[in-house]
Amino acid sequence: MNTDNKNRLQEIQDNVQTMAGAVTKAIHQSVEALKKRDLRMAHQVMADDVAINKQRYGIENDCVELNSAQHLAAGDFQVMVAVLNIIVELERIGDYADGIANIVVMIGDEPPLKPLIDIPRMAELTVDMVSKSVRAFINRDAELAKQVVTMDDAVDGLFDQVFRELLTFMMSDSKTINRATRLIWVAHNLERAADRATNICERVVYMVTGKGEEIGGSKY
């Protein structure tokens, strides 16, 4: 690959990092909007999701154009395949943040069911997982990717804790069902976002080692 196309491939990878930054910001802001009942912030997250989707398709188009313009070496082609997979995962994580923002709007100004402790912690872990998974891609670091996957157990544990606690609320007082259900949706979105980060990590491991292996739990 000539220098110009090498630069174009590097630019594509830089754009993946930019997209990941937008996605992690969306996760953080969606949960902040929930904590503060900030409808303006929730609507901003929803608007930003449109931009994230555009980033995904822009990167995809760049990959297609580069592949059409230049026969890629095996290693560079593997990177491009990884990019195409990673941006799909990032877009879906952005969709989960958008879903949380929509829930915030649904909740409106109704009083909180309980103090939010575990859900913000889930968000912090998920943001960290997404950031590190993309860093592992950029640095071709399979070991970091494998370490990130182990973080998913903590997210799953928090989700189980949130679910059990909210189920207790619903069983003890039927009037809490709607509020509790919405918080379960939020926690579920964060748990799914963390699973998407593990998908990115699996792609990184495959790119670096050439071995396809499931290093996380069950995901879809």
N, C-alpha and C. Protein backbone atom coordinates (compact mmCIF):
# COMPACT_ATOMS: atom_id res chain seq x y z
N MET A 1 0.85 -1.19 0.00
CA MET A 1 0.00 0.00 0.00
C MET A 1 0.88 1.23 0.00
N ASN A 2 0.56 2.23 -0.85
CA ASN A 2 1.39 3.42 -0.90
C ASN A 2 1.14 4.31 0.31
N THR A 3 1.97 5.36 0.43
CA THR A 3 1.91 6.22 1.62
C THR A 3 0.56 6.91 1.75
N ASP A 4 0.01 7.36 0.62
CA ASP A 4 -1.27 8.05 0.66
C ASP A 4 -2.37 7.16 1.21
N ASN A 5 -2.40 5.91 0.77
CA ASN A 5 -3.43 4.99 1.25
C ASN A 5 -3.18 4.56 2.69
N LYS A 6 -1.91 4.48 3.08
CA LYS A 6 -1.60 4.21 4.48
C LYS A 6 -2.17 5.32 5.35
N ASN A 7 -2.00 6.55 4.88
CA ASN A 7 -2.53 7.69 5.62
C ASN A 7 -4.05 7.63 5.70
N ARG A 8 -4.67 7.20 4.63
CA ARG A 8 -6.13 7.09 4.61
C ARG A 8 -6.61 6.03 5.60
N LEU A 9 -5.88 4.92 5.69
CA LEU A 9 -6.24 3.88 6.65
C LEU A 9 -6.07 4.40 8.07
N GLN A 10 -5.02 5.17 8.30
CA GLN A 10 -4.81 5.75 9.63
C GLN A 10 -5.94 6.73 9.96
N GLU A 11 -6.36 7.50 8.98
CA GLU A 11 -7.46 8.44 9.19
C GLU A 11 -8.75 7.70 9.55
N ILE A 12 -8.97 6.57 8.90
CA ILE A 12 -10.16 5.76 9.22
C ILE A 12 -10.11 5.32 10.67
N GLN A 13 -8.94 4.87 11.12
CA GLN A 13 -8.81 4.43 12.51
C GLN A 13 -8.99 5.60 13.48
N ASP A 14 -8.49 6.78 13.10
CA ASP A 14 -8.70 7.96 13.93
C ASP A 14 -10.19 8.28 14.04
N ASN A 15 -10.91 8.09 12.95
CA ASN A 15 -12.35 8.35 12.96
C ASN A 15 -13.10 7.35 13.84
N VAL A 16 -12.59 6.12 13.91
CA VAL A 16 -13.18 5.13 14.82
C VAL A 16 -13.03 5.61 16.27
N GLN A 17 -11.85 6.14 16.59
CA GLN A 17 -11.65 6.68 17.94
C GLN A 17 -12.60 7.84 18.22
N THR A 18 -12.79 8.69 17.24
CA THR A 18 -13.70 9.83 17.41
C THR A 18 -15.13 9.33 17.64
N MET A 19 -15.53 8.34 16.88
CA MET A 19 -16.87 7.77 17.04
C MET A 19 -17.02 7.15 18.43
N ALA A 20 -15.98 6.45 18.88
CA ALA A 20 -16.04 5.85 20.22
C ALA A 20 -16.17 6.92 21.29
N GLY A 21 -15.50 8.05 21.11
CA GLY A 21 -15.62 9.15 22.06
C GLY A 21 -17.04 9.69 22.11
N ALA A 22 -17.68 9.79 20.95
CA ALA A 22 -19.06 10.27 20.90
C ALA A 22 -20.01 9.28 21.59
N VAL A 23 -19.73 8.00 21.42
CA VAL A 23 -20.58 6.96 22.02
C VAL A 23 -20.44 6.94 23.54
N THR A 24 -19.22 7.02 24.04
CA THR A 24 -19.04 7.01 25.49
C THR A 24 -19.64 8.27 26.11
N LYS A 25 -19.54 9.39 25.41
CA LYS A 25 -20.17 10.63 25.89
C LYS A 25 -21.69 10.45 25.98
N ALA A 26 -22.26 9.78 24.99
CA ALA A 26 -23.70 9.56 24.97
C ALA A 26 -24.14 8.70 26.15
N ILE A 27 -23.38 7.65 26.45
CA ILE A 27 -23.72 6.80 27.60
C ILE A 27 -23.70 7.62 28.88
N HIS A 28 -22.60 8.35 29.06
CA HIS A 28 -22.45 9.16 30.28
C HIS A 28 -23.57 10.17 30.41
N GLN A 29 -23.87 10.89 29.34
CA GLN A 29 -24.89 11.93 29.41
C GLN A 29 -26.29 11.37 29.58
N SER A 30 -26.56 10.22 29.00
CA SER A 30 -27.90 9.64 29.15
C SER A 30 -28.18 9.29 30.61
N VAL A 31 -27.17 8.76 31.31
CA VAL A 31 -27.37 8.41 32.72
C VAL A 31 -27.36 9.67 33.59
N GLU A 32 -26.55 10.66 33.22
CA GLU A 32 -26.59 11.94 33.93
C GLU A 32 -27.97 12.57 33.80
N ALA A 33 -28.55 12.48 32.60
CA ALA A 33 -29.89 13.03 32.39
C ALA A 33 -30.91 12.32 33.27
N LEU A 34 -30.73 11.01 33.44
CA LEU A 34 -31.62 10.24 34.31
C LEU A 34 -31.47 10.68 35.76
N LYS A 35 -30.24 10.84 36.21
CA LYS A 35 -29.98 11.23 37.60
C LYS A 35 -30.56 12.61 37.91
N LYS A 36 -30.41 13.53 36.95
CA LYS A 36 -30.80 14.92 37.17
C LYS A 36 -32.19 15.25 36.64
N ARG A 37 -32.85 14.27 36.02
CA ARG A 37 -34.13 14.52 35.36
C ARG A 37 -33.99 15.70 34.38
N ASP A 38 -32.91 15.65 33.62
CA ASP A 38 -32.57 16.74 32.70
C ASP A 38 -33.07 16.38 31.30
N LEU A 39 -34.26 16.86 30.97
CA LEU A 39 -34.86 16.52 29.69
C LEU A 39 -34.10 17.15 28.52
N ARG A 40 -33.52 18.32 28.74
CA ARG A 40 -32.74 18.96 27.68
C ARG A 40 -31.54 18.10 27.32
N MET A 41 -30.85 17.58 28.33
CA MET A 41 -29.71 16.72 28.07
C MET A 41 -30.15 15.43 27.38
N ALA A 42 -31.28 14.89 27.79
CA ALA A 42 -31.79 13.66 27.16
C ALA A 42 -32.06 13.90 25.68
N HIS A 43 -32.68 15.02 25.37
CA HIS A 43 -32.97 15.33 23.96
C HIS A 43 -31.67 15.55 23.18
N GLN A 44 -30.64 16.07 23.84
CA GLN A 44 -29.36 16.26 23.16
C GLN A 44 -28.72 14.91 22.83
N VAL A 45 -28.83 13.96 23.75
CA VAL A 45 -28.32 12.61 23.48
C VAL A 45 -29.03 12.01 22.27
N MET A 46 -30.33 12.20 22.21
CA MET A 46 -31.11 11.67 21.09
C MET A 46 -30.70 12.33 19.77
N ALA A 47 -30.44 13.63 19.81
CA ALA A 47 -29.99 14.33 18.60
C ALA A 47 -28.59 13.87 18.20
N ASP A 48 -27.74 13.66 19.19
CA ASP A 48 -26.36 13.23 18.90
C ASP A 48 -26.31 11.84 18.30
N ASP A 49 -27.32 11.03 18.59
CA ASP A 49 -27.34 9.67 18.03
C ASP A 49 -27.42 9.70 16.51
N VAL A 50 -28.09 10.70 15.97
CA VAL A 50 -28.15 10.85 14.51
C VAL A 50 -26.76 11.07 13.95
N ALA A 51 -25.96 11.88 14.65
CA ALA A 51 -24.59 12.15 14.22
C ALA A 51 -23.72 10.89 14.31
N ILE A 52 -23.94 10.10 15.37
CA ILE A 52 -23.19 8.85 15.52
C ILE A 52 -23.49 7.90 14.37
N ASN A 53 -24.76 7.83 13.99
CA ASN A 53 -25.13 6.98 12.86
C ASN A 53 -24.44 7.44 11.57
N LYS A 54 -24.37 8.75 11.39
CA LYS A 54 -23.70 9.30 10.21
C LYS A 54 -22.21 8.98 10.23
N GLN A 55 -21.61 9.01 11.42
CA GLN A 55 -20.20 8.66 11.53
C GLN A 55 -19.97 7.22 11.09
N ARG A 56 -20.84 6.34 11.52
CA ARG A 56 -20.72 4.93 11.15
C ARG A 56 -20.72 4.76 9.64
N TYR A 57 -21.70 5.38 8.97
CA TYR A 57 -21.79 5.21 7.52
C TYR A 57 -20.68 5.95 6.79
N GLY A 58 -20.20 7.05 7.36
CA GLY A 58 -19.08 7.74 6.76
C GLY A 58 -17.82 6.89 6.77
N ILE A 59 -17.56 6.24 7.91
CA ILE A 59 -16.40 5.36 8.01
C ILE A 59 -16.54 4.18 7.07
N GLU A 60 -17.73 3.63 7.01
CA GLU A 60 -17.98 2.49 6.13
C GLU A 60 -17.71 2.88 4.66
N ASN A 61 -18.19 4.04 4.26
CA ASN A 61 -17.95 4.51 2.89
C ASN A 61 -16.46 4.70 2.62
N ASP A 62 -15.74 5.23 3.61
CA ASP A 62 -14.29 5.41 3.45
C ASP A 62 -13.59 4.08 3.25
N CYS A 63 -14.03 3.07 3.98
CA CYS A 63 -13.44 1.73 3.84
C CYS A 63 -13.69 1.18 2.44
N VAL A 64 -14.90 1.33 1.96
CA VAL A 64 -15.25 0.83 0.62
C VAL A 64 -14.42 1.55 -0.44
N GLU A 65 -14.29 2.86 -0.32
CA GLU A 65 -13.53 3.63 -1.30
C GLU A 65 -12.05 3.24 -1.28
N LEU A 66 -11.50 3.06 -0.09
CA LEU A 66 -10.09 2.69 0.00
C LEU A 66 -9.86 1.31 -0.58
N ASN A 67 -10.75 0.38 -0.29
CA ASN A 67 -10.59 -0.97 -0.82
C ASN A 67 -10.73 -0.99 -2.34
N SER A 68 -11.58 -0.12 -2.87
CA SER A 68 -11.77 -0.06 -4.31
C SER A 68 -10.57 0.56 -5.01
N ALA A 69 -9.93 1.49 -4.32
CA ALA A 69 -8.82 2.22 -4.94
C ALA A 69 -7.50 1.47 -4.87
N GLN A 70 -7.38 0.55 -3.93
CA GLN A 70 -6.08 -0.09 -3.71
C GLN A 70 -6.27 -1.52 -3.24
N HIS A 71 -5.52 -2.44 -3.85
CA HIS A 71 -5.52 -3.82 -3.36
C HIS A 71 -4.76 -3.85 -2.05
N LEU A 72 -5.44 -4.22 -0.98
CA LEU A 72 -4.84 -4.14 0.35
C LEU A 72 -4.03 -5.38 0.67
N ALA A 73 -2.93 -5.16 1.40
CA ALA A 73 -2.18 -6.28 1.94
C ALA A 73 -3.05 -7.00 2.97
N ALA A 74 -2.71 -8.26 3.22
CA ALA A 74 -3.55 -9.08 4.11
C ALA A 74 -3.76 -8.42 5.47
N GLY A 75 -2.69 -7.88 6.04
CA GLY A 75 -2.79 -7.26 7.36
C GLY A 75 -3.69 -6.04 7.35
N ASP A 76 -3.55 -5.21 6.31
CA ASP A 76 -4.38 -4.01 6.21
C ASP A 76 -5.84 -4.36 5.95
N PHE A 77 -6.05 -5.41 5.17
CA PHE A 77 -7.43 -5.85 4.92
C PHE A 77 -8.07 -6.34 6.21
N GLN A 78 -7.29 -7.03 7.03
CA GLN A 78 -7.80 -7.51 8.31
C GLN A 78 -8.20 -6.34 9.21
N VAL A 79 -7.40 -5.28 9.19
CA VAL A 79 -7.73 -4.08 9.96
C VAL A 79 -9.05 -3.49 9.48
N MET A 80 -9.22 -3.43 8.16
CA MET A 80 -10.44 -2.85 7.61
C MET A 80 -11.67 -3.68 7.98
N VAL A 81 -11.52 -4.98 7.95
CA VAL A 81 -12.63 -5.85 8.35
C VAL A 81 -12.98 -5.59 9.82
N ALA A 82 -11.94 -5.44 10.64
CA ALA A 82 -12.18 -5.14 12.06
C ALA A 82 -12.91 -3.82 12.22
N VAL A 83 -12.49 -2.81 11.46
CA VAL A 83 -13.15 -1.51 11.52
C VAL A 83 -14.64 -1.64 11.20
N LEU A 84 -14.95 -2.36 10.13
CA LEU A 84 -16.34 -2.49 9.72
C LEU A 84 -17.19 -3.18 10.79
N ASN A 85 -16.60 -4.11 11.51
CA ASN A 85 -17.31 -4.76 12.60
C ASN A 85 -17.43 -3.85 13.82
N ILE A 86 -16.36 -3.17 14.14
CA ILE A 86 -16.34 -2.33 15.34
C ILE A 86 -17.33 -1.18 15.25
N ILE A 87 -17.43 -0.55 14.08
CA ILE A 87 -18.34 0.60 13.97
C ILE A 87 -19.80 0.18 14.09
N VAL A 88 -20.10 -1.05 13.70
CA VAL A 88 -21.47 -1.55 13.91
C VAL A 88 -21.75 -1.69 15.40
N GLU A 89 -20.79 -2.24 16.14
CA GLU A 89 -20.95 -2.38 17.59
C GLU A 89 -21.07 -1.01 18.25
N LEU A 90 -20.25 -0.06 17.83
CA LEU A 90 -20.31 1.28 18.41
C LEU A 90 -21.66 1.94 18.12
N GLU A 91 -22.16 1.76 16.93
CA GLU A 91 -23.46 2.34 16.60
C GLU A 91 -24.55 1.76 17.49
N ARG A 92 -24.50 0.47 17.72
CA ARG A 92 -25.52 -0.16 18.58
C ARG A 92 -25.39 0.35 20.02
N ILE A 93 -24.17 0.56 20.49
CA ILE A 93 -23.99 1.11 21.84
C ILE A 93 -24.60 2.50 21.90
N GLY A 94 -24.40 3.29 20.83
CA GLY A 94 -25.04 4.59 20.76
C GLY A 94 -26.54 4.48 20.81
N ASP A 95 -27.09 3.46 20.16
CA ASP A 95 -28.54 3.24 20.20
C ASP A 95 -29.02 2.94 21.62
N TYR A 96 -28.22 2.22 22.39
CA TYR A 96 -28.61 1.94 23.78
C TYR A 96 -28.65 3.24 24.60
N ALA A 97 -27.67 4.13 24.36
CA ALA A 97 -27.68 5.42 25.04
C ALA A 97 -28.91 6.23 24.63
N ASP A 98 -29.23 6.19 23.34
CA ASP A 98 -30.43 6.86 22.84
C ASP A 98 -31.67 6.29 23.50
N GLY A 99 -31.69 4.97 23.70
CA GLY A 99 -32.82 4.34 24.37
C GLY A 99 -32.98 4.82 25.80
N ILE A 100 -31.86 4.97 26.50
CA ILE A 100 -31.92 5.48 27.88
C ILE A 100 -32.46 6.91 27.88
N ALA A 101 -32.00 7.72 26.93
CA ALA A 101 -32.49 9.10 26.84
C ALA A 101 -34.00 9.13 26.60
N ASN A 102 -34.48 8.24 25.77
CA ASN A 102 -35.93 8.15 25.53
C ASN A 102 -36.68 7.78 26.80
N ILE A 103 -36.09 6.90 27.60
CA ILE A 103 -36.71 6.53 28.87
C ILE A 103 -36.76 7.73 29.81
N VAL A 104 -35.70 8.53 29.82
CA VAL A 104 -35.69 9.74 30.65
C VAL A 104 -36.86 10.65 30.27
N VAL A 105 -37.09 10.80 28.98
CA VAL A 105 -38.20 11.63 28.52
C VAL A 105 -39.53 11.01 28.96
N MET A 106 -39.64 9.70 28.88
CA MET A 106 -40.86 9.02 29.32
C MET A 106 -41.12 9.26 30.81
N ILE A 107 -40.05 9.21 31.59
CA ILE A 107 -40.17 9.39 33.05
C ILE A 107 -40.60 10.82 33.37
N GLY A 108 -40.05 11.78 32.61
CA GLY A 108 -40.40 13.18 32.83
C GLY A 108 -40.03 13.64 34.22
N ASP A 109 -40.97 14.26 34.91
CA ASP A 109 -40.68 14.81 36.24
C ASP A 109 -41.27 13.97 37.37
N GLU A 110 -41.61 12.72 37.06
CA GLU A 110 -42.16 11.88 38.12
C GLU A 110 -41.08 11.61 39.17
N PRO A 111 -41.46 11.48 40.44
CA PRO A 111 -40.46 11.34 41.51
C PRO A 111 -39.65 10.05 41.35
N PRO A 112 -38.37 10.10 41.72
CA PRO A 112 -37.54 8.90 41.59
C PRO A 112 -38.00 7.80 42.53
N LEU A 113 -37.87 6.58 42.07
CA LEU A 113 -38.27 5.44 42.88
C LEU A 113 -37.30 5.21 44.03
N LYS A 114 -36.02 5.41 43.75
CA LYS A 114 -34.95 5.16 44.72
C LYS A 114 -33.71 5.93 44.29
N PRO A 115 -32.78 6.14 45.21
CA PRO A 115 -31.52 6.77 44.82
C PRO A 115 -30.79 5.89 43.80
N LEU A 116 -30.21 6.52 42.79
CA LEU A 116 -29.50 5.76 41.76
C LEU A 116 -28.04 5.58 42.18
N ILE A 117 -27.68 4.34 42.43
CA ILE A 117 -26.31 4.01 42.85
C ILE A 117 -25.69 3.01 41.88
N ASP A 118 -26.34 1.89 41.70
CA ASP A 118 -25.77 0.82 40.86
C ASP A 118 -25.83 1.15 39.37
N ILE A 119 -26.88 1.83 38.93
CA ILE A 119 -26.97 2.16 37.51
C ILE A 119 -25.85 3.11 37.07
N PRO A 120 -25.56 4.18 37.82
CA PRO A 120 -24.41 5.00 37.43
C PRO A 120 -23.09 4.23 37.44
N ARG A 121 -22.97 3.30 38.36
CA ARG A 121 -21.75 2.47 38.40
C ARG A 121 -21.68 1.58 37.16
N MET A 122 -22.81 1.03 36.75
CA MET A 122 -22.85 0.26 35.50
C MET A 122 -22.40 1.13 34.32
N ALA A 123 -22.86 2.38 34.31
CA ALA A 123 -22.50 3.29 33.22
C ALA A 123 -21.00 3.56 33.22
N GLU A 124 -20.42 3.78 34.39
CA GLU A 124 -18.98 4.04 34.48
C GLU A 124 -18.17 2.85 33.94
N LEU A 125 -18.56 1.66 34.34
CA LEU A 125 -17.86 0.46 33.88
C LEU A 125 -18.02 0.27 32.37
N THR A 126 -19.22 0.52 31.88
CA THR A 126 -19.47 0.35 30.45
C THR A 126 -18.67 1.34 29.63
N VAL A 127 -18.63 2.59 30.06
CA VAL A 127 -17.82 3.61 29.37
C VAL A 127 -16.36 3.19 29.36
N ASP A 128 -15.87 2.69 30.48
CA ASP A 128 -14.47 2.25 30.58
C ASP A 128 -14.21 1.08 29.62
N MET A 129 -15.16 0.15 29.57
CA MET A 129 -15.00 -1.01 28.67
C MET A 129 -14.95 -0.59 27.21
N VAL A 130 -15.84 0.32 26.82
CA VAL A 130 -15.87 0.76 25.43
C VAL A 130 -14.57 1.49 25.08
N SER A 131 -14.15 2.38 25.96
CA SER A 131 -12.92 3.14 25.71
C SER A 131 -11.71 2.21 25.58
N LYS A 132 -11.60 1.26 26.48
CA LYS A 132 -10.45 0.36 26.47
C LYS A 132 -10.51 -0.63 25.31
N SER A 133 -11.70 -1.02 24.92
CA SER A 133 -11.81 -1.96 23.78
C SER A 133 -11.30 -1.30 22.50
N VAL A 134 -11.64 -0.03 22.31
CA VAL A 134 -11.16 0.68 21.12
C VAL A 134 -9.68 0.98 21.24
N ARG A 135 -9.20 1.26 22.45
CA ARG A 135 -7.76 1.45 22.64
C ARG A 135 -7.01 0.16 22.29
N ALA A 136 -7.58 -0.97 22.68
CA ALA A 136 -6.96 -2.25 22.34
C ALA A 136 -6.88 -2.43 20.83
N PHE A 137 -7.91 -1.98 20.13
CA PHE A 137 -7.88 -2.05 18.66
C PHE A 137 -6.79 -1.16 18.09
N ILE A 138 -6.74 0.07 18.53
CA ILE A 138 -5.76 1.01 18.01
C ILE A 138 -4.33 0.54 18.27
N ASN A 139 -4.10 -0.02 19.45
CA ASN A 139 -2.76 -0.45 19.85
C ASN A 139 -2.46 -1.91 19.50
N ARG A 140 -3.45 -2.59 18.87
CA ARG A 140 -3.27 -4.01 18.52
C ARG A 140 -2.91 -4.83 19.77
N ASP A 141 -3.65 -4.57 20.85
CA ASP A 141 -3.32 -5.14 22.16
C ASP A 141 -4.34 -6.22 22.53
N ALA A 142 -4.03 -7.46 22.20
CA ALA A 142 -4.95 -8.56 22.48
C ALA A 142 -5.09 -8.80 23.97
N GLU A 143 -4.03 -8.58 24.73
CA GLU A 143 -4.10 -8.81 26.17
C GLU A 143 -5.03 -7.81 26.84
N LEU A 144 -4.96 -6.56 26.43
CA LEU A 144 -5.88 -5.57 26.98
C LEU A 144 -7.32 -5.95 26.62
N ALA A 145 -7.53 -6.39 25.39
CA ALA A 145 -8.87 -6.80 24.97
C ALA A 145 -9.41 -7.90 25.88
N LYS A 146 -8.56 -8.87 26.21
CA LYS A 146 -9.00 -9.96 27.08
C LYS A 146 -9.28 -9.47 28.49
N GLN A 147 -8.51 -8.49 28.95
CA GLN A 147 -8.75 -7.93 30.28
C GLN A 147 -10.10 -7.20 30.33
N VAL A 148 -10.41 -6.49 29.26
CA VAL A 148 -11.67 -5.75 29.22
C VAL A 148 -12.86 -6.70 29.34
N VAL A 149 -12.76 -7.84 28.69
CA VAL A 149 -13.86 -8.80 28.72
C VAL A 149 -14.17 -9.24 30.16
N THR A 150 -13.14 -9.36 31.00
CA THR A 150 -13.37 -9.78 32.38
C THR A 150 -14.18 -8.76 33.16
N MET A 151 -14.17 -7.49 32.71
CA MET A 151 -14.94 -6.44 33.38
C MET A 151 -16.44 -6.65 33.21
N ASP A 152 -16.81 -7.41 32.19
CA ASP A 152 -18.24 -7.62 31.93
C ASP A 152 -18.92 -8.35 33.07
N ASP A 153 -18.18 -9.16 33.81
CA ASP A 153 -18.78 -9.88 34.94
C ASP A 153 -19.31 -8.90 35.99
N ALA A 154 -18.56 -7.80 36.20
CA ALA A 154 -18.99 -6.80 37.19
C ALA A 154 -20.27 -6.11 36.72
N VAL A 155 -20.35 -5.81 35.43
CA VAL A 155 -21.55 -5.18 34.89
C VAL A 155 -22.74 -6.13 35.03
N ASP A 156 -22.54 -7.39 34.69
CA ASP A 156 -23.62 -8.38 34.82
C ASP A 156 -24.07 -8.51 36.27
N GLY A 157 -23.09 -8.48 37.20
CA GLY A 157 -23.43 -8.58 38.61
C GLY A 157 -24.27 -7.41 39.09
N LEU A 158 -23.93 -6.21 38.62
CA LEU A 158 -24.71 -5.03 38.98
C LEU A 158 -26.11 -5.09 38.38
N PHE A 159 -26.19 -5.58 37.15
CA PHE A 159 -27.51 -5.70 36.53
C PHE A 159 -28.39 -6.65 37.34
N ASP A 160 -27.84 -7.79 37.74
CA ASP A 160 -28.62 -8.74 38.54
C ASP A 160 -29.08 -8.11 39.85
N GLN A 161 -28.20 -7.31 40.45
CA GLN A 161 -28.53 -6.65 41.71
C GLN A 161 -29.65 -5.64 41.51
N VAL A 162 -29.55 -4.83 40.45
CA VAL A 162 -30.59 -3.85 40.14
C VAL A 162 -31.92 -4.55 39.88
N PHE A 163 -31.87 -5.61 39.09
CA PHE A 163 -33.09 -6.33 38.74
C PHE A 163 -33.78 -6.88 39.98
N ARG A 164 -33.00 -7.52 40.87
CA ARG A 164 -33.58 -8.12 42.07
C ARG A 164 -34.19 -7.04 42.97
N GLU A 165 -33.48 -5.94 43.11
CA GLU A 165 -33.97 -4.87 43.99
C GLU A 165 -35.26 -4.27 43.45
N LEU A 166 -35.29 -4.01 42.15
CA LEU A 166 -36.48 -3.41 41.56
C LEU A 166 -37.66 -4.38 41.53
N LEU A 167 -37.35 -5.65 41.38
CA LEU A 167 -38.41 -6.66 41.44
C LEU A 167 -39.05 -6.67 42.83
N THR A 168 -38.24 -6.49 43.85
CA THR A 168 -38.75 -6.43 45.21
C THR A 168 -39.71 -5.25 45.39
N PHE A 169 -39.34 -4.10 44.81
CA PHE A 169 -40.23 -2.94 44.85
C PHE A 169 -41.57 -3.26 44.20
N MET A 170 -41.53 -3.89 43.04
CA MET A 170 -42.75 -4.18 42.30
C MET A 170 -43.65 -5.16 43.04
N MET A 171 -43.01 -6.13 43.69
CA MET A 171 -43.79 -7.14 44.42
C MET A 171 -44.42 -6.56 45.68
N SER A 172 -43.77 -5.58 46.29
CA SER A 172 -44.29 -5.03 47.54
C SER A 172 -45.30 -3.92 47.32
N ASP A 173 -45.24 -3.27 46.13
CA ASP A 173 -46.17 -2.18 45.86
C ASP A 173 -46.40 -2.08 44.36
N SER A 174 -47.59 -2.45 43.92
CA SER A 174 -47.87 -2.48 42.48
C SER A 174 -47.80 -1.09 41.84
N LYS A 175 -47.92 -0.05 42.66
CA LYS A 175 -47.84 1.31 42.12
C LYS A 175 -46.45 1.67 41.61
N THR A 176 -45.46 0.88 41.99
CA THR A 176 -44.08 1.17 41.57
C THR A 176 -43.71 0.46 40.27
N ILE A 177 -44.61 -0.35 39.73
CA ILE A 177 -44.26 -1.21 38.59
C ILE A 177 -43.73 -0.42 37.40
N ASN A 178 -44.43 0.65 37.02
CA ASN A 178 -44.01 1.41 35.85
C ASN A 178 -42.63 2.04 36.04
N ARG A 179 -42.42 2.66 37.20
CA ARG A 179 -41.12 3.30 37.45
C ARG A 179 -40.01 2.28 37.54
N ALA A 180 -40.28 1.16 38.20
CA ALA A 180 -39.26 0.12 38.33
C ALA A 180 -38.93 -0.50 36.98
N THR A 181 -39.95 -0.72 36.17
CA THR A 181 -39.73 -1.33 34.85
C THR A 181 -38.84 -0.44 33.99
N ARG A 182 -39.06 0.86 34.04
CA ARG A 182 -38.23 1.77 33.25
C ARG A 182 -36.77 1.74 33.68
N LEU A 183 -36.54 1.64 34.98
CA LEU A 183 -35.16 1.55 35.46
C LEU A 183 -34.52 0.22 35.05
N ILE A 184 -35.32 -0.83 35.01
CA ILE A 184 -34.80 -2.11 34.53
C ILE A 184 -34.39 -2.00 33.06
N TRP A 185 -35.18 -1.28 32.28
CA TRP A 185 -34.83 -1.06 30.88
C TRP A 185 -33.49 -0.34 30.77
N VAL A 186 -33.30 0.67 31.61
CA VAL A 186 -32.02 1.41 31.60
C VAL A 186 -30.87 0.47 31.91
N ALA A 187 -31.01 -0.31 32.97
CA ALA A 187 -29.94 -1.23 33.35
C ALA A 187 -29.69 -2.26 32.25
N HIS A 188 -30.75 -2.72 31.63
CA HIS A 188 -30.60 -3.70 30.54
C HIS A 188 -29.83 -3.09 29.38
N ASN A 189 -30.12 -1.84 29.02
CA ASN A 189 -29.39 -1.19 27.94
C ASN A 189 -27.89 -1.09 28.25
N LEU A 190 -27.57 -0.77 29.49
CA LEU A 190 -26.16 -0.68 29.87
C LEU A 190 -25.49 -2.05 29.84
N GLU A 191 -26.21 -3.07 30.28
CA GLU A 191 -25.66 -4.43 30.24
C GLU A 191 -25.41 -4.87 28.81
N ARG A 192 -26.31 -4.52 27.91
CA ARG A 192 -26.14 -4.88 26.50
C ARG A 192 -24.99 -4.09 25.87
N ALA A 193 -24.85 -2.83 26.26
CA ALA A 193 -23.75 -2.02 25.74
C ALA A 193 -22.40 -2.62 26.14
N ALA A 194 -22.31 -3.10 27.38
CA ALA A 194 -21.08 -3.75 27.83
C ALA A 194 -20.81 -5.01 27.01
N ASP A 195 -21.85 -5.75 26.69
CA ASP A 195 -21.68 -6.94 25.87
C ASP A 195 -21.15 -6.58 24.48
N ARG A 196 -21.61 -5.45 23.94
CA ARG A 196 -21.11 -5.00 22.64
C ARG A 196 -19.62 -4.67 22.72
N ALA A 197 -19.19 -4.15 23.86
CA ALA A 197 -17.76 -3.87 24.04
C ALA A 197 -16.96 -5.18 24.02
N THR A 198 -17.51 -6.24 24.58
CA THR A 198 -16.81 -7.52 24.54
C THR A 198 -16.74 -8.05 23.11
N ASN A 199 -17.76 -7.74 22.30
CA ASN A 199 -17.71 -8.13 20.89
C ASN A 199 -16.55 -7.44 20.18
N ILE A 200 -16.34 -6.16 20.49
CA ILE A 200 -15.21 -5.44 19.92
C ILE A 200 -13.91 -6.11 20.32
N CYS A 201 -13.82 -6.50 21.58
CA CYS A 201 -12.60 -7.15 22.07
C CYS A 201 -12.34 -8.47 21.36
N GLU A 202 -13.37 -9.23 21.11
CA GLU A 202 -13.19 -10.49 20.38
C GLU A 202 -12.67 -10.23 18.97
N ARG A 203 -13.16 -9.17 18.34
CA ARG A 203 -12.68 -8.81 17.01
C ARG A 203 -11.22 -8.40 17.06
N VAL A 204 -10.83 -7.70 18.11
CA VAL A 204 -9.42 -7.29 18.26
C VAL A 204 -8.53 -8.50 18.41
N VAL A 205 -8.94 -9.44 19.24
CA VAL A 205 -8.14 -10.65 19.44
C VAL A 205 -7.98 -11.40 18.12
N TYR A 206 -9.06 -11.49 17.36
CA TYR A 206 -8.98 -12.18 16.06
C TYR A 206 -8.05 -11.44 15.11
N MET A 207 -8.14 -10.12 15.09
CA MET A 207 -7.29 -9.33 14.21
C MET A 207 -5.82 -9.51 14.55
N VAL A 208 -5.51 -9.55 15.84
CA VAL A 208 -4.11 -9.61 16.27
C VAL A 208 -3.54 -11.02 16.17
N THR A 209 -4.34 -12.02 16.57
CA THR A 209 -3.82 -13.38 16.66
C THR A 209 -4.19 -14.26 15.47
N GLY A 210 -5.23 -13.86 14.74
CA GLY A 210 -5.72 -14.70 13.64
C GLY A 210 -6.55 -15.86 14.12
N LYS A 211 -6.88 -15.88 15.41
CA LYS A 211 -7.67 -16.96 15.97
C LYS A 211 -9.03 -16.43 16.43
N GLY A 212 -10.08 -16.97 15.84
CA GLY A 212 -11.41 -16.59 16.25
C GLY A 212 -11.83 -17.36 17.49
N GLU A 213 -12.14 -16.65 18.56
CA GLU A 213 -12.54 -17.33 19.80
C GLU A 213 -13.51 -16.45 20.56
N GLU A 214 -14.49 -17.08 21.20
CA GLU A 214 -15.41 -16.34 22.05
C GLU A 214 -14.78 -16.21 23.42
N ILE A 215 -14.45 -14.98 23.79
CA ILE A 215 -13.77 -14.78 25.06
C ILE A 215 -14.70 -14.16 26.09
N GLY A 216 -15.95 -13.93 25.69
CA GLY A 216 -16.94 -13.40 26.63
C GLY A 216 -18.07 -14.37 26.81
N GLY A 217 -19.14 -13.88 27.42
CA GLY A 217 -20.31 -14.72 27.64
C GLY A 217 -21.21 -14.69 26.41
N SER A 218 -22.45 -15.12 26.61
CA SER A 218 -23.42 -15.15 25.52
C SER A 218 -23.85 -13.75 25.16
N LYS A 219 -23.77 -13.39 23.87
CA LYS A 219 -24.12 -12.04 23.42
C LYS A 219 -24.93 -12.16 22.13
N TYR A 220 -25.68 -11.08 21.84
CA TYR A 220 -26.41 -11.01 20.59
C TYR A 220 -26.47 -9.57 20.12
